Amino acid sequence: MRFISRTSSDGVTEQLFTLPFTFGEIPGVLWTPDGAAGPRPLILLGHGGGQHKKAPGILARAHRFAAECGFAVVALDAPAHGGRPRTEEHDRLIAEMRNRMQNGGDVAPVLAEVHALIAGQSVPEWRAVVDAVQELDHVGAGPLGYWGMSLGCGLGVPFVAAEPRVRAAVLGLNGAETAGEAAARITVPLEFLVQWDDERVPRASSLALFDLFASTEKTLHANPGKHGDVPMFELDSSVRFFTRHLS
C-alpha cells in the first residue's frame, strides 16, 4: 500500500492511497480520527454508479463515522469509475443503460449486467484492501462493517456474502435481479433502504431482495421519493446501527 497524501479537517485525517493488485492499482482513501492509535472498527463505503470514492455522500458518511464513532473508514473507486479505465463491455452496458433511462425503458436487467461485470473484479479488490488496511497500527484487525447504496449495494452483496469478517451491513437501492443468489448467503445484521418511488429499481424487486437476505436481524427502511432522494436522517440511523454492532 502506497500513501499519496495526508490531510486533516474537523478532527478527521484523510489519506489517499493506491494498492497494487491483479487488475492494476486500486485507488482508495482512508479516514481515521486525528491521532488515532490502536485497533478500531473499520467501515467500508461503496459509492453509487457514476460516482467515485470522494463523492459528497461518501465524504459526509466517512466524517461522521470517524469523528463521532472513532471508526476507520475506507472507500475505493469501483472498477470503471473515478479515474479507472473502462473496457468496451463497460462502455456498451453504460450506453445501453443511459439509452433506456432516457426512453423510459426497463433499466433493471442492464443494471444487473453492469453490477455482475464489476463485482467479479471488485470483490477480490475489497478483500485485498481490507487485508492491507488492517495491518496499519492505527486501524488494526477490529470488527468490519459495509455500507453501500445502488452500485455500492450491487457490489456489496456479493462481497458481504463472501467475506466472513463483515459483522454488519447497510445496503439498499437495488433489486433481486442483481444479487439474489448472494443475498441468500448473508446472515449478518442488516439495514436495507428502499426509495418507494425509485425510477431505476422497481419497488417489487427491492422488496424481493430484502426478502432473500438470510439475516435473522434485518430492518427495512422505506422512504418516499426517487432513487437519489434518500433522506439525510438515514445517516443518523446508520451511525446508531454500526455503533450497536461494531463498538
Protein backbone atom coordinates (compact mmCIF):
# COMPACT_ATOMS: atom_id res chain seq x y z
CA MET A 1 0.00 0.00 0.00
CA ARG A 2 1.39 3.37 -1.04
CA PHE A 3 0.07 6.55 0.60
CA ILE A 4 -0.09 9.55 -1.74
CA SER A 5 -1.28 12.35 0.53
CA ARG A 6 -2.34 13.10 4.10
CA THR A 7 -4.63 15.95 5.21
CA SER A 8 -6.73 16.75 8.28
CA SER A 9 -10.09 18.51 8.65
CA ASP A 10 -12.54 18.79 11.56
CA GLY A 11 -10.78 16.13 13.59
CA VAL A 12 -10.53 13.60 10.77
CA THR A 13 -7.35 12.55 8.96
CA GLU A 14 -7.68 11.64 5.28
CA GLN A 15 -5.05 9.52 3.48
CA LEU A 16 -5.21 8.80 -0.24
CA PHE A 17 -3.55 5.53 -1.26
CA THR A 18 -3.05 3.06 -4.07
CA LEU A 19 -2.68 -0.69 -3.73
CA PRO A 20 -1.07 -2.80 -6.49
CA PHE A 21 -3.31 -5.72 -7.45
CA THR A 22 -4.10 -8.21 -10.21
CA PHE A 23 -6.24 -5.78 -12.20
CA GLY A 24 -3.86 -2.81 -11.76
CA GLU A 25 -3.55 -0.29 -8.95
CA ILE A 26 -6.59 0.16 -6.70
CA PRO A 27 -7.16 3.84 -5.77
CA GLY A 28 -8.65 4.41 -2.36
CA VAL A 29 -8.94 6.73 0.63
CA LEU A 30 -8.68 6.03 4.36
CA TRP A 31 -10.26 8.26 7.02
CA THR A 32 -9.39 7.96 10.72
CA PRO A 33 -9.83 10.18 13.78
CA ASP A 34 -6.93 12.60 14.24
CA GLY A 35 -4.28 10.98 16.44
CA ALA A 36 -5.83 7.53 16.12
CA ALA A 37 -3.81 4.77 17.79
CA GLY A 38 -4.63 1.11 18.24
CA PRO A 39 -7.30 -1.10 16.66
CA ARG A 40 -10.82 0.11 15.88
CA PRO A 41 -13.87 -0.87 13.82
CA LEU A 42 -13.49 -0.42 10.05
CA ILE A 43 -16.36 0.66 7.77
CA LEU A 44 -16.18 0.12 4.00
CA LEU A 45 -18.18 2.58 1.89
CA GLY A 46 -19.41 1.60 -1.60
CA HIS A 47 -20.30 4.57 -3.82
CA GLY A 48 -23.13 4.73 -6.36
CA GLY A 49 -22.94 4.29 -10.11
CA GLY A 50 -21.18 7.13 -11.94
CA GLN A 51 -19.67 8.38 -8.66
CA HIS A 52 -16.24 7.93 -7.04
CA LYS A 53 -14.54 7.38 -3.70
CA LYS A 54 -14.87 11.04 -2.58
CA ALA A 55 -18.41 11.76 -3.75
CA PRO A 56 -20.20 14.17 -1.36
CA GLY A 57 -22.36 11.47 0.22
CA ILE A 58 -19.33 9.26 0.84
CA LEU A 59 -17.40 12.14 2.43
CA ALA A 60 -20.30 13.03 4.72
CA ARG A 61 -20.61 9.47 5.98
CA ALA A 62 -16.86 8.96 6.35
CA HIS A 63 -16.50 12.07 8.52
CA ARG A 64 -19.46 11.12 10.72
CA PHE A 65 -18.19 7.58 11.28
CA ALA A 66 -14.63 8.74 12.01
CA ALA A 67 -15.32 11.87 14.08
CA GLU A 68 -18.32 10.69 16.11
CA CYS A 69 -17.72 6.96 16.39
CA GLY A 70 -13.91 6.72 16.26
CA PHE A 71 -14.09 4.29 13.35
CA ALA A 72 -11.67 3.91 10.45
CA VAL A 73 -13.38 4.27 7.06
CA VAL A 74 -12.27 3.22 3.56
CA ALA A 75 -13.71 3.95 0.13
CA LEU A 76 -12.41 2.80 -3.27
CA ASP A 77 -13.05 3.89 -6.82
CA ALA A 78 -15.10 0.98 -8.15
CA PRO A 79 -13.86 -0.62 -11.38
CA ALA A 80 -14.62 1.63 -14.40
CA HIS A 81 -15.30 4.57 -12.05
CA GLY A 82 -13.33 7.61 -10.96
CA GLY A 83 -10.06 7.64 -12.86
CA ARG A 84 -10.07 3.90 -13.52
CA PRO A 85 -10.07 2.52 -17.09
CA ARG A 86 -13.22 1.18 -18.75
CA THR A 87 -13.41 -1.74 -21.16
CA GLU A 88 -15.53 -1.85 -24.32
CA GLU A 89 -18.02 -4.02 -22.43
CA HIS A 90 -18.32 -1.38 -19.68
CA ASP A 91 -18.96 1.31 -22.29
CA ARG A 92 -21.55 -0.79 -24.13
CA LEU A 93 -23.56 -1.54 -20.99
CA ILE A 94 -23.39 2.03 -19.70
CA ALA A 95 -24.57 3.38 -23.07
CA GLU A 96 -27.44 0.89 -23.11
CA MET A 97 -28.46 1.83 -19.58
CA ARG A 98 -28.47 5.56 -20.37
CA ASN A 99 -30.48 4.94 -23.51
CA ARG A 100 -33.15 3.04 -21.59
CA MET A 101 -33.30 5.71 -18.88
CA GLN A 102 -33.82 8.45 -21.48
CA ASN A 103 -36.51 6.49 -23.33
CA GLY A 104 -38.43 5.06 -20.40
CA GLY A 105 -37.16 1.51 -20.83
CA ASP A 106 -36.53 -1.12 -18.16
CA VAL A 107 -33.01 -0.48 -16.81
CA ALA A 108 -33.03 -3.27 -14.20
CA PRO A 109 -31.66 -6.04 -16.48
CA VAL A 110 -28.83 -3.81 -17.70
CA LEU A 111 -28.01 -2.69 -14.17
CA ALA A 112 -27.77 -6.34 -13.19
CA GLU A 113 -25.29 -6.96 -16.03
CA VAL A 114 -23.19 -3.93 -15.07
CA HIS A 115 -23.04 -4.91 -11.43
CA ALA A 116 -22.22 -8.56 -12.20
CA LEU A 117 -19.39 -7.49 -14.53
CA ILE A 118 -17.85 -5.13 -11.99
CA ALA A 119 -18.40 -7.38 -8.94
CA GLY A 120 -16.12 -10.05 -10.38
CA GLN A 121 -13.29 -7.55 -10.03
CA SER A 122 -14.39 -5.52 -7.01
CA VAL A 123 -14.90 -8.37 -4.50
CA PRO A 124 -11.26 -9.57 -4.53
CA GLU A 125 -10.11 -5.93 -4.56
CA TRP A 126 -12.07 -5.12 -1.40
CA ARG A 127 -10.67 -8.20 0.35
CA ALA A 128 -7.09 -7.22 -0.56
CA VAL A 129 -7.65 -3.66 0.68
CA VAL A 130 -9.09 -4.88 3.99
CA ASP A 131 -6.02 -7.10 4.45
CA ALA A 132 -3.67 -4.16 3.84
CA VAL A 133 -5.55 -1.55 5.88
CA GLN A 134 -5.97 -3.79 8.91
CA GLU A 135 -2.20 -4.20 9.08
CA LEU A 136 -1.87 -0.49 9.92
CA ASP A 137 -1.27 0.22 13.61
CA HIS A 138 -4.00 2.91 13.79
CA VAL A 139 -6.64 0.62 12.21
CA GLY A 140 -5.84 -2.94 13.28
CA ALA A 141 -7.98 -6.06 12.93
CA GLY A 142 -11.15 -4.68 14.51
CA PRO A 143 -14.72 -5.59 13.51
CA LEU A 144 -15.73 -4.86 9.92
CA GLY A 145 -18.87 -3.24 8.52
CA TYR A 146 -20.06 -2.42 5.00
CA TRP A 147 -22.28 0.43 3.72
CA GLY A 148 -23.37 0.71 0.09
CA MET A 149 -26.30 2.04 -1.93
CA SER A 150 -27.20 1.41 -5.59
CA LEU A 151 -23.97 0.21 -7.28
CA GLY A 152 -22.45 0.07 -3.78
CA CYS A 153 -25.17 -2.42 -2.88
CA GLY A 154 -24.82 -4.38 -6.10
CA LEU A 155 -21.12 -4.85 -5.37
CA GLY A 156 -21.57 -5.07 -1.62
CA VAL A 157 -23.98 -8.01 -1.56
CA PRO A 158 -21.51 -10.48 -3.12
CA PHE A 159 -18.68 -9.02 -1.03
CA VAL A 160 -20.54 -9.36 2.27
CA ALA A 161 -21.64 -12.86 1.29
CA ALA A 162 -18.02 -13.86 0.57
CA GLU A 163 -16.25 -12.07 3.44
CA PRO A 164 -16.69 -13.65 6.91
CA ARG A 165 -15.03 -10.68 8.62
CA VAL A 166 -18.05 -8.44 7.91
CA ARG A 167 -20.26 -8.27 11.01
CA ALA A 168 -22.97 -5.80 9.91
CA ALA A 169 -24.11 -4.09 6.70
CA VAL A 170 -26.28 -1.20 5.49
CA LEU A 171 -27.44 -1.78 1.91
CA GLY A 172 -30.16 -0.53 -0.42
CA LEU A 173 -31.42 0.97 -3.69
CA ASN A 174 -31.01 -2.30 -5.56
CA GLY A 175 -33.06 -5.31 -6.59
CA ALA A 176 -33.17 -9.07 -6.65
CA GLU A 177 -32.05 -9.30 -10.29
CA THR A 178 -28.60 -8.01 -9.36
CA ALA A 179 -27.50 -10.22 -6.48
CA GLY A 180 -30.29 -12.51 -5.33
CA GLU A 181 -28.17 -15.65 -5.08
CA ALA A 182 -25.50 -13.96 -2.95
CA ALA A 183 -28.14 -12.28 -0.76
CA ALA A 184 -29.39 -15.68 0.37
CA ARG A 185 -25.94 -16.34 1.90
CA ILE A 186 -25.89 -13.17 4.03
CA THR A 187 -26.70 -13.72 7.71
CA VAL A 188 -25.20 -10.63 9.42
CA PRO A 189 -27.39 -7.86 10.94
CA LEU A 190 -28.68 -5.68 8.13
CA GLU A 191 -30.44 -2.39 7.39
CA PHE A 192 -31.91 -2.14 3.88
CA LEU A 193 -33.07 1.14 2.32
CA VAL A 194 -35.80 1.45 -0.31
CA GLN A 195 -36.99 4.58 -2.10
CA TRP A 196 -40.71 3.99 -2.62
CA ASP A 197 -40.85 5.91 -5.92
CA ASP A 198 -37.48 4.69 -7.28
CA GLU A 199 -37.40 5.24 -11.06
CA ARG A 200 -34.43 2.89 -11.57
CA VAL A 201 -35.16 -0.09 -9.33
CA PRO A 202 -38.75 -1.41 -9.25
CA ARG A 203 -40.21 -1.46 -5.78
CA ALA A 204 -41.15 -5.12 -6.07
CA SER A 205 -37.56 -6.01 -6.97
CA SER A 206 -36.18 -4.15 -3.94
CA LEU A 207 -38.64 -5.88 -1.62
CA ALA A 208 -37.79 -9.24 -3.18
CA LEU A 209 -34.09 -8.65 -2.48
CA PHE A 210 -34.83 -7.76 1.14
CA ASP A 211 -36.83 -10.96 1.48
CA LEU A 212 -33.90 -13.03 0.16
CA PHE A 213 -31.43 -11.96 2.85
CA ALA A 214 -31.00 -14.79 5.35
CA SER A 215 -30.24 -12.45 8.26
CA THR A 216 -32.37 -13.06 11.33
CA GLU A 217 -31.89 -9.39 12.24
CA LYS A 218 -32.83 -7.24 9.25
CA THR A 219 -34.75 -3.97 9.06
CA LEU A 220 -36.42 -2.37 6.04
CA HIS A 221 -36.29 1.43 5.82
CA ALA A 222 -38.68 2.71 3.14
CA ASN A 223 -38.90 6.42 2.34
CA PRO A 224 -40.91 8.31 -0.29
CA GLY A 225 -39.00 9.76 -3.22
CA LYS A 226 -36.90 8.81 -6.21
CA HIS A 227 -33.61 6.91 -6.40
CA GLY A 228 -31.42 9.81 -5.31
CA ASP A 229 -33.75 11.18 -2.61
CA VAL A 230 -32.57 9.16 0.40
CA PRO A 231 -33.14 11.47 3.42
CA MET A 232 -30.08 12.52 5.39
CA PHE A 233 -31.61 11.26 8.64
CA GLU A 234 -30.84 7.75 7.37
CA LEU A 235 -27.19 8.60 8.11
CA ASP A 236 -28.14 9.02 11.78
CA SER A 237 -29.66 5.55 11.67
CA SER A 238 -26.51 4.10 10.07
CA VAL A 239 -24.37 5.65 12.82
CA ARG A 240 -26.55 4.08 15.51
CA PHE A 241 -26.65 0.74 13.68
CA PHE A 242 -22.87 0.38 13.27
CA THR A 243 -22.19 1.66 16.77
CA ARG A 244 -24.52 -1.01 18.16
CA HIS A 245 -22.99 -3.87 16.18
CA LEU A 246 -19.31 -2.94 15.91
CA SER A 247 -18.40 -0.99 19.05
